[in-house]
Amino acid sequence: MRYDFTDYVLIVAGAVTRVAVYALLALPAALVVVLSFTSGETMDFPPAGFSMQWYQKAFESEPFMSALWTSTYVAVIVAIAALVIGFAAAFAINRFDFPGKGLLQALAFSPLIVPAVVLGIGLLYLFAWMNLIQTMFPLFAGHLVLAIPYVVRTVLASLTLHNRVLEEAAMNLRASPLRVVRRITLPLILPGLLSAAIFAFVTSFGNVTVSVFLTYGGNVTLPVQLFTYLDHSYDPLVAAVSSIMIFVTLAVILTIERLIGAETLS
């Protein structure tokens, strides 16, 4: 295949565009991580020097560590619950025709188009009316509502691309529907399920808009605690805590990648 000058220009332009986009996506997080190691008292770039003092202060801070535990705990529970509910919804949408199927699919994706502030206020009033606002349930429910669309979309794509020949062969051999799902369907779409779990975890762990309305007392998530801290201080402790959030998210993604491989996830 021969390339002319225009083809080379497009190839170079495409490469430059990709590098620029990746740099714009990664640069803010990279700057935060770099500033978290400063030895100065302010977040000036370049950093005044190298020091781990802000990480030490972050781990010694009871409010931040408590918020980190709350965020992690909520995100794990939400990821599990969203995976169960999302798989059931996606399986029903993909495999069956029933009245209200379109409505179910629209309902599953509706949180993506509703502004997060509106959703947070609505859930706040709902749970206040139900007298549940002083519990952890509103936070779980709010994050679950946000995570389910990502799980449904990911699992639905996996089920659509999945070859059903093995399922049909198992049913021809008199395997029960439950056994077919458990022994054939779930293992074959495992990469999609793990991808959906990652989306759910990250969505919950980093959410702040809905969490602001649904947290109470000492059960504050880490993003909300960060925003509260920024109201009266702007020292590098913020960068250190933000870096911890980045490291936790990367740890989850890299763990899944080590288990099944990035190529499989994609």
C-alpha atoms as a PDB file:
ATOM      1  CA  MET A   1       0.000   0.000   0.000  1.00  0.00           C
ATOM      2  CA  ARG A   2       1.455   3.359  -1.066  1.00  0.00           C
ATOM      3  CA  TYR A   3       1.166   6.542   0.982  1.00  0.00           C
ATOM      4  CA  ASP A   4       1.143  10.033  -0.466  1.00  0.00           C
ATOM      5  CA  PHE A   5       2.028  13.293   1.293  1.00  0.00           C
ATOM      6  CA  THR A   6      -1.527  13.806   2.552  1.00  0.00           C
ATOM      7  CA  ASP A   7      -1.536  10.384   4.212  1.00  0.00           C
ATOM      8  CA  TYR A   8       1.708  11.154   6.063  1.00  0.00           C
ATOM      9  CA  VAL A   9       0.338  14.516   7.202  1.00  0.00           C
ATOM     10  CA  LEU A  10      -2.804  12.853   8.560  1.00  0.00           C
ATOM     11  CA  ILE A  11      -0.764  10.153  10.322  1.00  0.00           C
ATOM     12  CA  VAL A  12       1.480  12.733  11.979  1.00  0.00           C
ATOM     13  CA  ALA A  13      -1.481  14.959  12.873  1.00  0.00           C
ATOM     14  CA  GLY A  14      -3.298  11.997  14.385  1.00  0.00           C
ATOM     15  CA  ALA A  15      -0.262  11.027  16.465  1.00  0.00           C
ATOM     16  CA  VAL A  16       0.207  14.608  17.690  1.00  0.00           C
ATOM     17  CA  THR A  17      -3.487  14.885  18.562  1.00  0.00           C
ATOM     18  CA  ARG A  18      -3.417  11.638  20.541  1.00  0.00           C
ATOM     19  CA  VAL A  19      -0.336  12.723  22.473  1.00  0.00           C
ATOM     20  CA  ALA A  20      -1.912  16.121  23.207  1.00  0.00           C
ATOM     21  CA  VAL A  21      -5.177  14.561  24.405  1.00  0.00           C
ATOM     22  CA  TYR A  22      -3.402  12.026  26.623  1.00  0.00           C
ATOM     23  CA  ALA A  23      -1.178  14.766  28.029  1.00  0.00           C
ATOM     24  CA  LEU A  24      -4.160  16.993  28.841  1.00  0.00           C
ATOM     25  CA  LEU A  25      -5.868  14.066  30.593  1.00  0.00           C
ATOM     26  CA  ALA A  26      -2.824  12.987  32.594  1.00  0.00           C
ATOM     27  CA  LEU A  27      -1.157  16.347  33.312  1.00  0.00           C
ATOM     28  CA  PRO A  28      -3.530  17.567  36.089  1.00  0.00           C
ATOM     29  CA  ALA A  29      -3.192  14.307  38.036  1.00  0.00           C
ATOM     30  CA  ALA A  30       0.578  14.265  37.476  1.00  0.00           C
ATOM     31  CA  LEU A  31       0.900  17.838  38.792  1.00  0.00           C
ATOM     32  CA  VAL A  32      -1.093  16.960  41.892  1.00  0.00           C
ATOM     33  CA  VAL A  33       1.163  13.975  42.604  1.00  0.00           C
ATOM     34  CA  VAL A  34       4.309  16.068  42.080  1.00  0.00           C
ATOM     35  CA  LEU A  35       3.059  18.853  44.375  1.00  0.00           C
ATOM     36  CA  SER A  36       2.183  16.335  47.079  1.00  0.00           C
ATOM     37  CA  PHE A  37       5.922  15.692  47.620  1.00  0.00           C
ATOM     38  CA  THR A  38       6.835  19.350  48.161  1.00  0.00           C
ATOM     39  CA  SER A  39       8.723  20.404  51.277  1.00  0.00           C
ATOM     40  CA  GLY A  40       7.136  23.857  51.186  1.00  0.00           C
ATOM     41  CA  GLU A  41       4.019  25.113  52.926  1.00  0.00           C
ATOM     42  CA  THR A  42       2.158  26.091  49.746  1.00  0.00           C
ATOM     43  CA  MET A  43       1.358  24.368  46.461  1.00  0.00           C
ATOM     44  CA  ASP A  44       3.810  26.280  44.297  1.00  0.00           C
ATOM     45  CA  PHE A  45       5.222  24.814  41.096  1.00  0.00           C
ATOM     46  CA  PRO A  46       7.985  23.808  40.815  1.00  0.00           C
ATOM     47  CA  PRO A  47       8.032  22.326  44.347  1.00  0.00           C
ATOM     48  CA  ALA A  48      10.398  23.837  46.907  1.00  0.00           C
ATOM     49  CA  GLY A  49      11.963  20.431  47.586  1.00  0.00           C
ATOM     50  CA  PHE A  50      11.213  16.766  48.180  1.00  0.00           C
ATOM     51  CA  SER A  51       9.475  15.640  51.347  1.00  0.00           C
ATOM     52  CA  MET A  52       7.016  12.981  52.530  1.00  0.00           C
ATOM     53  CA  GLN A  53       5.719  15.177  55.356  1.00  0.00           C
ATOM     54  CA  TRP A  54       2.334  15.819  53.771  1.00  0.00           C
ATOM     55  CA  TYR A  55       1.655  12.111  53.329  1.00  0.00           C
ATOM     56  CA  GLN A  56       2.582  11.593  56.969  1.00  0.00           C
ATOM     57  CA  LYS A  57       0.158  14.328  57.990  1.00  0.00           C
ATOM     58  CA  ALA A  58      -2.519  12.818  55.726  1.00  0.00           C
ATOM     59  CA  PHE A  59      -2.214   9.386  57.331  1.00  0.00           C
ATOM     60  CA  GLU A  60      -2.176  10.964  60.785  1.00  0.00           C
ATOM     61  CA  SER A  61      -5.334  12.949  60.038  1.00  0.00           C
ATOM     62  CA  GLU A  62      -8.290  11.134  61.561  1.00  0.00           C
ATOM     63  CA  PRO A  63     -10.928  12.987  59.461  1.00  0.00           C
ATOM     64  CA  PHE A  64      -9.199  12.125  56.180  1.00  0.00           C
ATOM     65  CA  MET A  65      -8.485   8.507  57.089  1.00  0.00           C
ATOM     66  CA  SER A  66     -12.039   8.025  58.319  1.00  0.00           C
ATOM     67  CA  ALA A  67     -13.331   9.552  55.084  1.00  0.00           C
ATOM     68  CA  LEU A  68     -11.005   7.300  53.044  1.00  0.00           C
ATOM     69  CA  TRP A  69     -12.378   4.234  54.818  1.00  0.00           C
ATOM     70  CA  THR A  70     -15.956   5.418  54.271  1.00  0.00           C
ATOM     71  CA  SER A  71     -15.342   6.042  50.546  1.00  0.00           C
ATOM     72  CA  THR A  72     -13.652   2.662  50.063  1.00  0.00           C
ATOM     73  CA  TYR A  73     -16.290   0.778  52.027  1.00  0.00           C
ATOM     74  CA  VAL A  74     -19.176   2.432  50.191  1.00  0.00           C
ATOM     75  CA  ALA A  75     -17.506   2.005  46.787  1.00  0.00           C
ATOM     76  CA  VAL A  76     -16.907  -1.732  47.310  1.00  0.00           C
ATOM     77  CA  ILE A  77     -20.482  -2.382  48.444  1.00  0.00           C
ATOM     78  CA  VAL A  78     -21.871  -0.256  45.615  1.00  0.00           C
ATOM     79  CA  ALA A  79     -19.721  -2.076  43.035  1.00  0.00           C
ATOM     80  CA  ILE A  80     -21.012  -5.466  44.219  1.00  0.00           C
ATOM     81  CA  ALA A  81     -24.657  -4.388  44.387  1.00  0.00           C
ATOM     82  CA  ALA A  82     -24.502  -2.544  41.055  1.00  0.00           C
ATOM     83  CA  LEU A  83     -22.923  -5.591  39.418  1.00  0.00           C
ATOM     84  CA  VAL A  84     -25.720  -7.890  40.612  1.00  0.00           C
ATOM     85  CA  ILE A  85     -28.539  -5.515  39.688  1.00  0.00           C
ATOM     86  CA  GLY A  86     -26.890  -4.346  36.467  1.00  0.00           C
ATOM     87  CA  PHE A  87     -26.214  -7.890  35.250  1.00  0.00           C
ATOM     88  CA  ALA A  88     -29.817  -8.909  35.906  1.00  0.00           C
ATOM     89  CA  ALA A  89     -31.130  -5.865  34.030  1.00  0.00           C
ATOM     90  CA  ALA A  90     -28.712  -6.251  31.121  1.00  0.00           C
ATOM     91  CA  PHE A  91     -29.436  -9.990  30.830  1.00  0.00           C
ATOM     92  CA  ALA A  92     -33.182  -9.366  30.738  1.00  0.00           C
ATOM     93  CA  ILE A  93     -32.821  -6.600  28.144  1.00  0.00           C
ATOM     94  CA  ASN A  94     -30.502  -8.666  25.950  1.00  0.00           C
ATOM     95  CA  ARG A  95     -32.226 -12.052  26.091  1.00  0.00           C
ATOM     96  CA  PHE A  96     -35.958 -11.469  26.473  1.00  0.00           C
ATOM     97  CA  ASP A  97     -38.779  -9.566  24.809  1.00  0.00           C
ATOM     98  CA  PHE A  98     -41.390  -8.340  27.255  1.00  0.00           C
ATOM     99  CA  PRO A  99     -43.766  -5.399  27.683  1.00  0.00           C
ATOM    100  CA  GLY A 100     -41.916  -2.388  29.015  1.00  0.00           C
ATOM    101  CA  LYS A 101     -38.492  -3.497  27.800  1.00  0.00           C
ATOM    102  CA  GLY A 102     -37.782  -0.098  26.260  1.00  0.00           C
ATOM    103  CA  LEU A 103     -38.943   1.610  29.441  1.00  0.00           C
ATOM    104  CA  LEU A 104     -36.625  -0.570  31.533  1.00  0.00           C
ATOM    105  CA  GLN A 105     -33.676   0.259  29.305  1.00  0.00           C
ATOM    106  CA  ALA A 106     -34.465   3.982  29.394  1.00  0.00           C
ATOM    107  CA  LEU A 107     -34.861   3.835  33.175  1.00  0.00           C
ATOM    108  CA  ALA A 108     -31.520   2.067  33.568  1.00  0.00           C
ATOM    109  CA  PHE A 109     -29.725   4.818  31.626  1.00  0.00           C
ATOM    110  CA  SER A 110     -31.738   7.767  32.946  1.00  0.00           C
ATOM    111  CA  PRO A 111     -29.281   8.761  35.733  1.00  0.00           C
ATOM    112  CA  LEU A 112     -26.777   9.631  33.000  1.00  0.00           C
ATOM    113  CA  ILE A 113     -28.975  12.470  31.710  1.00  0.00           C
ATOM    114  CA  VAL A 114     -30.333  13.783  35.015  1.00  0.00           C
ATOM    115  CA  PRO A 115     -28.079  16.510  36.495  1.00  0.00           C
ATOM    116  CA  ALA A 116     -26.254  15.171  39.547  1.00  0.00           C
ATOM    117  CA  VAL A 117     -27.322  18.168  41.648  1.00  0.00           C
ATOM    118  CA  VAL A 118     -30.982  17.535  40.834  1.00  0.00           C
ATOM    119  CA  LEU A 119     -30.552  13.847  41.623  1.00  0.00           C
ATOM    120  CA  GLY A 120     -28.862  14.625  44.932  1.00  0.00           C
ATOM    121  CA  ILE A 121     -31.562  17.075  46.024  1.00  0.00           C
ATOM    122  CA  GLY A 122     -34.324  14.674  44.986  1.00  0.00           C
ATOM    123  CA  LEU A 123     -32.778  11.789  46.920  1.00  0.00           C
ATOM    124  CA  LEU A 124     -32.254  14.028  49.942  1.00  0.00           C
ATOM    125  CA  TYR A 125     -35.938  14.958  50.075  1.00  0.00           C
ATOM    126  CA  LEU A 126     -36.988  11.351  49.437  1.00  0.00           C
ATOM    127  CA  PHE A 127     -34.912   9.895  52.264  1.00  0.00           C
ATOM    128  CA  ALA A 128     -35.803  12.771  54.585  1.00  0.00           C
ATOM    129  CA  TRP A 129     -39.474  11.938  53.983  1.00  0.00           C
ATOM    130  CA  MET A 130     -38.675   8.274  54.730  1.00  0.00           C
ATOM    131  CA  ASN A 131     -36.801   9.319  57.903  1.00  0.00           C
ATOM    132  CA  LEU A 132     -33.618   7.572  56.728  1.00  0.00           C
ATOM    133  CA  ILE A 133     -31.374  10.608  56.361  1.00  0.00           C
ATOM    134  CA  GLN A 134     -29.392   9.793  59.503  1.00  0.00           C
ATOM    135  CA  THR A 135     -28.244   6.435  58.163  1.00  0.00           C
ATOM    136  CA  MET A 136     -25.742   5.207  55.578  1.00  0.00           C
ATOM    137  CA  PHE A 137     -28.510   3.957  53.311  1.00  0.00           C
ATOM    138  CA  PRO A 138     -29.015   7.241  51.368  1.00  0.00           C
ATOM    139  CA  LEU A 139     -25.302   7.337  50.490  1.00  0.00           C
ATOM    140  CA  PHE A 140     -25.349   3.725  49.299  1.00  0.00           C
ATOM    141  CA  ALA A 141     -28.543   4.262  47.324  1.00  0.00           C
ATOM    142  CA  GLY A 142     -27.350   7.489  45.715  1.00  0.00           C
ATOM    143  CA  HIS A 143     -24.078   5.983  44.555  1.00  0.00           C
ATOM    144  CA  LEU A 144     -25.864   2.835  43.415  1.00  0.00           C
ATOM    145  CA  VAL A 145     -28.191   4.878  41.206  1.00  0.00           C
ATOM    146  CA  LEU A 146     -25.175   6.558  39.623  1.00  0.00           C
ATOM    147  CA  ALA A 147     -23.240   3.315  39.106  1.00  0.00           C
ATOM    148  CA  ILE A 148     -25.975   1.098  37.633  1.00  0.00           C
ATOM    149  CA  PRO A 149     -26.056   2.769  34.163  1.00  0.00           C
ATOM    150  CA  TYR A 150     -22.335   2.122  33.655  1.00  0.00           C
ATOM    151  CA  VAL A 151     -22.712  -1.504  34.709  1.00  0.00           C
ATOM    152  CA  VAL A 152     -25.750  -2.080  32.488  1.00  0.00           C
ATOM    153  CA  ARG A 153     -24.063  -0.503  29.480  1.00  0.00           C
ATOM    154  CA  THR A 154     -20.830  -2.498  29.928  1.00  0.00           C
ATOM    155  CA  VAL A 155     -22.512  -5.844  30.613  1.00  0.00           C
ATOM    156  CA  LEU A 156     -25.002  -5.295  27.804  1.00  0.00           C
ATOM    157  CA  ALA A 157     -22.126  -4.764  25.375  1.00  0.00           C
ATOM    158  CA  SER A 158     -20.459  -7.966  26.594  1.00  0.00           C
ATOM    159  CA  LEU A 159     -23.666  -9.962  26.213  1.00  0.00           C
ATOM    160  CA  THR A 160     -24.278  -8.544  22.734  1.00  0.00           C
ATOM    161  CA  LEU A 161     -20.796  -9.515  21.539  1.00  0.00           C
ATOM    162  CA  HIS A 162     -20.901 -12.887  23.287  1.00  0.00           C
ATOM    163  CA  ASN A 163     -21.311 -15.954  21.063  1.00  0.00           C
ATOM    164  CA  ARG A 164     -24.294 -17.946  22.334  1.00  0.00           C
ATOM    165  CA  VAL A 165     -23.345 -21.210  20.597  1.00  0.00           C
ATOM    166  CA  LEU A 166     -21.869 -22.667  23.790  1.00  0.00           C
ATOM    167  CA  GLU A 167     -24.999 -21.765  25.738  1.00  0.00           C
ATOM    168  CA  GLU A 168     -27.205 -23.438  23.137  1.00  0.00           C
ATOM    169  CA  ALA A 169     -24.970 -26.520  23.187  1.00  0.00           C
ATOM    170  CA  ALA A 170     -25.227 -26.712  26.980  1.00  0.00           C
ATOM    171  CA  MET A 171     -29.029 -26.408  26.838  1.00  0.00           C
ATOM    172  CA  ASN A 172     -29.158 -29.146  24.190  1.00  0.00           C
ATOM    173  CA  LEU A 173     -27.306 -31.333  26.682  1.00  0.00           C
ATOM    174  CA  ARG A 174     -30.126 -30.691  29.193  1.00  0.00           C
ATOM    175  CA  ALA A 175     -28.300 -28.190  31.381  1.00  0.00           C
ATOM    176  CA  SER A 176     -30.675 -26.041  33.395  1.00  0.00           C
ATOM    177  CA  PRO A 177     -30.898 -22.309  32.566  1.00  0.00           C
ATOM    178  CA  LEU A 178     -29.341 -21.412  35.925  1.00  0.00           C
ATOM    179  CA  ARG A 179     -26.449 -23.789  35.337  1.00  0.00           C
ATOM    180  CA  VAL A 180     -25.906 -22.404  31.835  1.00  0.00           C
ATOM    181  CA  VAL A 181     -25.665 -18.880  33.220  1.00  0.00           C
ATOM    182  CA  ARG A 182     -23.387 -19.954  36.063  1.00  0.00           C
ATOM    183  CA  ARG A 183     -21.068 -22.279  34.123  1.00  0.00           C
ATOM    184  CA  ILE A 184     -21.107 -20.751  30.616  1.00  0.00           C
ATOM    185  CA  THR A 185     -22.363 -17.166  30.455  1.00  0.00           C
ATOM    186  CA  LEU A 186     -20.677 -15.686  33.518  1.00  0.00           C
ATOM    187  CA  PRO A 187     -17.179 -17.094  32.826  1.00  0.00           C
ATOM    188  CA  LEU A 188     -17.322 -15.978  29.185  1.00  0.00           C
ATOM    189  CA  ILE A 189     -18.304 -12.391  30.009  1.00  0.00           C
ATOM    190  CA  LEU A 190     -16.061 -12.166  33.099  1.00  0.00           C
ATOM    191  CA  PRO A 191     -13.879  -9.399  31.578  1.00  0.00           C
ATOM    192  CA  GLY A 192     -16.998  -7.310  30.988  1.00  0.00           C
ATOM    193  CA  LEU A 193     -18.196  -7.942  34.535  1.00  0.00           C
ATOM    194  CA  LEU A 194     -14.859  -6.866  36.001  1.00  0.00           C
ATOM    195  CA  SER A 195     -14.804  -3.777  33.788  1.00  0.00           C
ATOM    196  CA  ALA A 196     -18.300  -2.915  34.986  1.00  0.00           C
ATOM    197  CA  ALA A 197     -17.203  -3.383  38.610  1.00  0.00           C
ATOM    198  CA  ILE A 198     -14.287  -1.001  38.046  1.00  0.00           C
ATOM    199  CA  PHE A 199     -16.609   1.616  36.539  1.00  0.00           C
ATOM    200  CA  ALA A 200     -18.975   1.271  39.497  1.00  0.00           C
ATOM    201  CA  PHE A 201     -16.161   1.496  42.052  1.00  0.00           C
ATOM    202  CA  VAL A 202     -14.561   4.571  40.469  1.00  0.00           C
ATOM    203  CA  THR A 203     -17.943   6.281  40.006  1.00  0.00           C
ATOM    204  CA  SER A 204     -18.744   5.835  43.682  1.00  0.00           C
ATOM    205  CA  PHE A 205     -15.265   6.497  45.053  1.00  0.00           C
ATOM    206  CA  GLY A 206     -14.829   9.818  43.262  1.00  0.00           C
ATOM    207  CA  ASN A 207     -18.363  11.187  43.493  1.00  0.00           C
ATOM    208  CA  VAL A 208     -18.835  14.464  45.282  1.00  0.00           C
ATOM    209  CA  THR A 209     -21.985  16.128  43.874  1.00  0.00           C
ATOM    210  CA  VAL A 210     -24.493  13.586  45.165  1.00  0.00           C
ATOM    211  CA  SER A 211     -22.416  12.726  48.249  1.00  0.00           C
ATOM    212  CA  VAL A 212     -22.605  16.315  49.504  1.00  0.00           C
ATOM    213  CA  PHE A 213     -26.367  15.969  49.934  1.00  0.00           C
ATOM    214  CA  LEU A 214     -26.416  12.447  51.375  1.00  0.00           C
ATOM    215  CA  THR A 215     -23.551  12.306  53.889  1.00  0.00           C
ATOM    216  CA  TYR A 216     -24.176  12.937  57.564  1.00  0.00           C
ATOM    217  CA  GLY A 217     -22.225  13.224  60.790  1.00  0.00           C
ATOM    218  CA  GLY A 218     -18.909  11.387  60.682  1.00  0.00           C
ATOM    219  CA  ASN A 219     -19.818   9.357  57.599  1.00  0.00           C
ATOM    220  CA  VAL A 220     -18.239  11.749  55.116  1.00  0.00           C
ATOM    221  CA  THR A 221     -16.667  10.524  51.901  1.00  0.00           C
ATOM    222  CA  LEU A 222     -13.130  11.539  50.988  1.00  0.00           C
ATOM    223  CA  PRO A 223     -14.068  13.903  48.106  1.00  0.00           C
ATOM    224  CA  VAL A 224     -16.543  15.727  50.359  1.00  0.00           C
ATOM    225  CA  GLN A 225     -13.936  15.961  53.129  1.00  0.00           C
ATOM    226  CA  LEU A 226     -11.475  17.422  50.615  1.00  0.00           C
ATOM    227  CA  PHE A 227     -13.921  20.090  49.475  1.00  0.00           C
ATOM    228  CA  THR A 228     -14.731  20.942  53.079  1.00  0.00           C
ATOM    229  CA  TYR A 229     -11.033  21.263  53.892  1.00  0.00           C
ATOM    230  CA  LEU A 230     -10.475  23.550  50.890  1.00  0.00           C
ATOM    231  CA  ASP A 231     -12.935  26.047  52.373  1.00  0.00           C
ATOM    232  CA  HIS A 232     -10.381  27.111  54.993  1.00  0.00           C
ATOM    233  CA  SER A 233      -7.005  25.818  53.816  1.00  0.00           C
ATOM    234  CA  TYR A 234      -5.013  25.347  50.639  1.00  0.00           C
ATOM    235  CA  ASP A 235      -1.820  23.642  51.760  1.00  0.00           C
ATOM    236  CA  PRO A 236      -0.144  20.604  50.090  1.00  0.00           C
ATOM    237  CA  LEU A 237      -2.080  18.276  52.373  1.00  0.00           C
ATOM    238  CA  VAL A 238      -4.840  18.555  49.777  1.00  0.00           C
ATOM    239  CA  ALA A 239      -2.445  17.314  47.080  1.00  0.00           C
ATOM    240  CA  ALA A 240      -1.302  14.424  49.277  1.00  0.00           C
ATOM    241  CA  VAL A 241      -4.868  13.263  49.976  1.00  0.00           C
ATOM    242  CA  SER A 242      -5.794  13.677  46.305  1.00  0.00           C
ATOM    243  CA  SER A 243      -2.759  11.581  45.373  1.00  0.00           C
ATOM    244  CA  ILE A 244      -3.909   8.868  47.769  1.00  0.00           C
ATOM    245  CA  MET A 245      -7.238   8.815  45.923  1.00  0.00           C
ATOM    246  CA  ILE A 246      -5.378   8.471  42.618  1.00  0.00           C
ATOM    247  CA  PHE A 247      -3.215   5.658  43.998  1.00  0.00           C
ATOM    248  CA  VAL A 248      -6.232   3.758  45.354  1.00  0.00           C
ATOM    249  CA  THR A 249      -8.005   3.978  41.993  1.00  0.00           C
ATOM    250  CA  LEU A 250      -4.872   2.889  40.127  1.00  0.00           C
ATOM    251  CA  ALA A 251      -4.377   0.013  42.558  1.00  0.00           C
ATOM    252  CA  VAL A 252      -7.867  -1.311  41.822  1.00  0.00           C
ATOM    253  CA  ILE A 253      -7.373  -1.037  38.049  1.00  0.00           C
ATOM    254  CA  LEU A 254      -3.889  -2.593  38.109  1.00  0.00           C
ATOM    255  CA  THR A 255      -5.097  -5.446  40.315  1.00  0.00           C
ATOM    256  CA  ILE A 256      -7.813  -6.315  37.816  1.00  0.00           C
ATOM    257  CA  GLU A 257      -5.321  -5.936  34.958  1.00  0.00           C
ATOM    258  CA  ARG A 258      -2.955  -8.362  36.666  1.00  0.00           C
ATOM    259  CA  LEU A 259      -5.760 -10.855  37.156  1.00  0.00           C
ATOM    260  CA  ILE A 260      -7.134 -10.987  33.607  1.00  0.00           C
ATOM    261  CA  GLY A 261      -5.052  -8.619  31.457  1.00  0.00           C
ATOM    262  CA  ALA A 262      -5.737  -5.193  29.993  1.00  0.00           C
ATOM    263  CA  GLU A 263      -6.283  -6.623  26.525  1.00  0.00           C
ATOM    264  CA  THR A 264      -9.079  -8.808  27.834  1.00  0.00           C
ATOM    265  CA  LEU A 265     -10.708  -5.889  29.634  1.00  0.00           C
ATOM    266  CA  SER A 266     -10.794  -3.862  26.462  1.00  0.00           C
END
